[in-house]
Amino acid sequence: MSAGRDFVNQVIMEIENSILKPLEDIESSAEGILESLAEGMNIEKPKVVATINPTNECTEHVDKDQQCQMVMGKYFAEESIILINYRIDMNTLLHLFAHHVHAVEMGKAKYVRVRRLEELRLPWELRPTEIIAMYRTTQLVRILQPRAWRIYNEEIKPRIREIDEKFSAVRLTVNHLERQVEHVLSDKKPI
């Protein structure tokens, strides 16, 4: 039993070190980039959450049969959270921050109401809040300090590569554990 528990602990440590730690590093670096922008605009900095999971532009109000466009991130105004796919690029990070700026200026509650109506009525590319975010992204790129690009290139990109390199190995280890569990269960079935 102890060997099995040790293997499980080893798998969990591998996930923490190979996936969760680099995700936290990406979050921290992305927040550092956004912090300097937020300070310059005198607004609160959003929290960044990085994920490996796919993200799409659909909401809970969308018909289950509707095709949902995959996106690299999403902004949640109520919580001031920017959810990013770990393979984020600078354009997307700034685009999501532009949504945050818009929500702060408009008022988060009003922004959420406007955004929900847009999501019910229009495809992603025709939503006014998206068009405003596209325009604001170009403005943000112009004021972005060279330090932000260094952070992206020297801190975020290496973590992306690290996760890409280790993700398959971690998944194989978990699959191996899953097969062991299935084997033990099949041996214990009553005849």
Protein backbone atom coordinates (compact mmCIF):
# COMPACT_ATOMS: atom_id res chain seq x y z
CA MET A 1 0.00 0.00 0.00
CA SER A 2 2.83 2.40 0.84
CA ALA A 3 4.39 1.96 -2.63
CA GLY A 4 1.06 2.89 -4.23
CA ARG A 5 0.69 5.96 -2.03
CA ASP A 6 4.27 6.97 -2.83
CA PHE A 7 3.52 6.66 -6.56
CA VAL A 8 0.39 8.81 -6.20
CA ASN A 9 2.36 11.43 -4.27
CA GLN A 10 5.03 11.32 -6.97
CA VAL A 11 2.39 11.90 -9.68
CA ILE A 12 0.90 14.82 -7.74
CA MET A 13 4.35 16.36 -7.21
CA GLU A 14 5.06 15.95 -10.93
CA ILE A 15 1.81 17.79 -11.77
CA GLU A 16 2.59 20.53 -9.27
CA ASN A 17 6.18 21.01 -10.49
CA SER A 18 5.68 20.47 -14.23
CA ILE A 19 2.30 22.09 -14.78
CA LEU A 20 0.97 24.11 -11.84
CA LYS A 21 4.21 25.94 -10.96
CA PRO A 22 4.84 27.09 -14.56
CA LEU A 23 1.16 28.16 -14.79
CA GLU A 24 1.63 30.24 -11.62
CA ASP A 25 4.80 31.74 -13.12
CA ILE A 26 2.86 32.72 -16.27
CA GLU A 27 0.14 34.28 -14.11
CA SER A 28 2.66 36.25 -12.08
CA SER A 29 4.54 37.50 -15.15
CA ALA A 30 1.31 38.46 -16.94
CA GLU A 31 0.13 40.32 -13.83
CA GLY A 32 3.47 42.14 -13.76
CA ILE A 33 2.93 43.34 -17.32
CA LEU A 34 -0.61 44.47 -16.55
CA GLU A 35 0.34 46.07 -13.23
CA SER A 36 2.50 48.70 -14.89
CA LEU A 37 -0.30 49.50 -17.35
CA ALA A 38 -2.92 49.65 -14.58
CA GLU A 39 -0.73 51.95 -12.47
CA GLY A 40 -0.21 54.27 -15.44
CA MET A 41 -4.00 54.44 -15.93
CA ASN A 42 -4.70 54.69 -12.20
CA ILE A 43 -7.03 51.66 -12.18
CA GLU A 44 -7.05 48.40 -10.26
CA LYS A 45 -4.97 45.56 -11.64
CA PRO A 46 -6.95 42.45 -12.66
CA LYS A 47 -6.06 39.00 -11.38
CA VAL A 48 -4.73 36.62 -14.02
CA VAL A 49 -5.51 32.90 -14.01
CA ALA A 50 -3.70 30.65 -16.49
CA THR A 51 -5.20 27.39 -17.68
CA ILE A 52 -4.31 24.48 -19.91
CA ASN A 53 -7.99 23.83 -20.57
CA PRO A 54 -9.56 25.00 -23.81
CA THR A 55 -11.54 28.24 -23.55
CA ASN A 56 -14.39 29.26 -25.82
CA GLU A 57 -16.40 32.40 -26.34
CA CYS A 58 -19.76 30.84 -25.50
CA THR A 59 -21.62 31.56 -22.29
CA GLU A 60 -24.14 29.59 -20.30
CA HIS A 61 -26.90 31.41 -22.25
CA VAL A 62 -25.89 29.80 -25.53
CA ASP A 63 -27.71 26.88 -27.12
CA LYS A 64 -25.78 23.64 -26.55
CA ASP A 65 -25.76 22.89 -30.30
CA GLN A 66 -24.18 26.23 -31.24
CA GLN A 67 -20.60 26.15 -32.44
CA CYS A 68 -18.32 28.02 -30.06
CA GLN A 69 -15.20 29.76 -31.26
CA MET A 70 -12.07 28.78 -29.33
CA VAL A 71 -10.33 31.77 -27.76
CA MET A 72 -7.05 32.23 -25.88
CA GLY A 73 -8.66 33.92 -22.92
CA LYS A 74 -11.71 35.45 -21.33
CA TYR A 75 -12.43 38.41 -19.08
CA PHE A 76 -14.74 38.06 -16.07
CA ALA A 77 -15.69 41.60 -15.05
CA GLU A 78 -17.48 40.75 -11.79
CA GLU A 79 -14.30 39.28 -10.32
CA SER A 80 -11.77 41.35 -12.31
CA ILE A 81 -10.24 38.08 -13.55
CA ILE A 82 -8.49 37.55 -16.84
CA LEU A 83 -8.50 33.84 -17.69
CA ILE A 84 -5.76 33.01 -20.17
CA ASN A 85 -4.73 29.90 -22.00
CA TYR A 86 -1.13 29.24 -21.05
CA ARG A 87 -0.08 29.71 -24.70
CA ILE A 88 -1.17 33.35 -24.53
CA ASP A 89 0.37 35.94 -26.81
CA MET A 90 0.89 39.59 -25.94
CA ASN A 91 -1.91 40.78 -28.26
CA THR A 92 -4.48 38.61 -26.49
CA LEU A 93 -3.26 39.61 -23.04
CA LEU A 94 -3.59 43.29 -23.95
CA HIS A 95 -6.98 42.67 -25.58
CA LEU A 96 -8.29 41.11 -22.37
CA PHE A 97 -6.82 43.97 -20.34
CA ALA A 98 -8.64 46.38 -22.68
CA HIS A 99 -11.90 44.69 -21.62
CA HIS A 100 -10.90 45.31 -18.01
CA VAL A 101 -10.21 49.00 -18.69
CA HIS A 102 -13.58 49.32 -20.43
CA ALA A 103 -15.39 47.61 -17.52
CA VAL A 104 -13.72 49.85 -14.96
CA GLU A 105 -14.62 52.98 -16.95
CA MET A 106 -18.20 51.90 -17.63
CA GLY A 107 -18.78 50.37 -14.21
CA LYS A 108 -18.51 46.61 -13.84
CA ALA A 109 -22.22 45.95 -13.25
CA LYS A 110 -23.24 47.92 -16.35
CA TYR A 111 -20.43 46.33 -18.40
CA VAL A 112 -21.65 42.85 -17.40
CA ARG A 113 -25.24 43.68 -18.44
CA VAL A 114 -24.14 45.16 -21.77
CA ARG A 115 -21.79 42.24 -22.43
CA ARG A 116 -24.47 39.63 -21.69
CA LEU A 117 -26.92 41.29 -24.08
CA GLU A 118 -24.25 41.40 -26.78
CA GLU A 119 -23.47 37.71 -26.22
CA LEU A 120 -27.15 36.84 -26.65
CA ARG A 121 -27.59 38.95 -29.77
CA LEU A 122 -24.33 38.99 -31.72
CA PRO A 123 -21.47 36.78 -32.80
CA TRP A 124 -18.15 37.54 -31.11
CA GLU A 125 -16.64 39.64 -33.91
CA LEU A 126 -19.65 42.01 -34.12
CA ARG A 127 -19.97 42.81 -30.43
CA PRO A 128 -19.29 46.50 -29.68
CA THR A 129 -17.32 45.58 -26.54
CA GLU A 130 -15.02 43.47 -28.73
CA ILE A 131 -14.58 46.26 -31.26
CA ILE A 132 -13.72 48.69 -28.45
CA ALA A 133 -11.24 46.16 -27.03
CA MET A 134 -9.60 45.74 -30.46
CA TYR A 135 -9.15 49.49 -30.78
CA ARG A 136 -7.89 49.86 -27.21
CA THR A 137 -5.40 47.03 -27.76
CA THR A 138 -3.65 49.11 -30.42
CA GLN A 139 -3.47 52.01 -27.95
CA LEU A 140 -2.04 49.75 -25.25
CA VAL A 141 0.62 48.37 -27.60
CA ARG A 142 1.79 51.94 -28.24
CA ILE A 143 2.26 52.73 -24.55
CA LEU A 144 3.69 49.33 -23.58
CA GLN A 145 7.18 49.63 -22.13
CA PRO A 146 10.07 47.55 -23.56
CA ARG A 147 10.30 45.87 -20.13
CA ALA A 148 6.88 44.28 -20.74
CA TRP A 149 8.11 42.68 -23.97
CA ARG A 150 11.18 41.37 -22.11
CA ILE A 151 8.95 39.85 -19.43
CA TYR A 152 6.86 38.15 -22.10
CA ASN A 153 9.87 36.85 -24.05
CA GLU A 154 12.10 35.92 -21.10
CA GLU A 155 9.54 34.75 -18.52
CA ILE A 156 6.30 33.69 -20.21
CA LYS A 157 7.56 32.08 -23.42
CA PRO A 158 9.99 29.74 -21.59
CA ARG A 159 7.16 28.59 -19.26
CA ILE A 160 4.96 27.89 -22.29
CA ARG A 161 7.70 25.69 -23.75
CA GLU A 162 8.25 24.02 -20.37
CA ILE A 163 4.58 23.09 -20.05
CA ASP A 164 4.46 21.88 -23.66
CA GLU A 165 7.49 19.66 -23.08
CA LYS A 166 6.27 18.15 -19.80
CA PHE A 167 2.52 17.93 -20.35
CA SER A 168 2.61 14.72 -22.40
CA ALA A 169 4.90 12.98 -19.91
CA VAL A 170 2.66 13.91 -16.99
CA ARG A 171 -0.42 12.77 -18.89
CA LEU A 172 1.25 9.41 -19.65
CA THR A 173 2.05 8.94 -15.98
CA VAL A 174 -1.56 9.66 -14.98
CA ASN A 175 -2.81 7.28 -17.69
CA HIS A 176 -0.50 4.59 -16.30
CA LEU A 177 -1.96 5.12 -12.83
CA GLU A 178 -5.48 4.95 -14.26
CA ARG A 179 -4.70 1.61 -15.97
CA GLN A 180 -3.35 0.25 -12.68
CA VAL A 181 -6.56 1.21 -10.90
CA GLU A 182 -8.67 -0.42 -13.63
CA HIS A 183 -6.55 -3.58 -13.41
CA VAL A 184 -6.96 -3.80 -9.63
CA LEU A 185 -10.71 -3.21 -9.92
CA SER A 186 -11.12 -5.89 -12.58
CA ASP A 187 -9.24 -8.38 -10.38
CA LYS A 188 -11.58 -7.63 -7.43
CA LYS A 189 -14.91 -8.02 -9.27
CA PRO A 190 -17.06 -10.79 -7.86
CA ILE A 191 -17.64 -13.67 -10.22
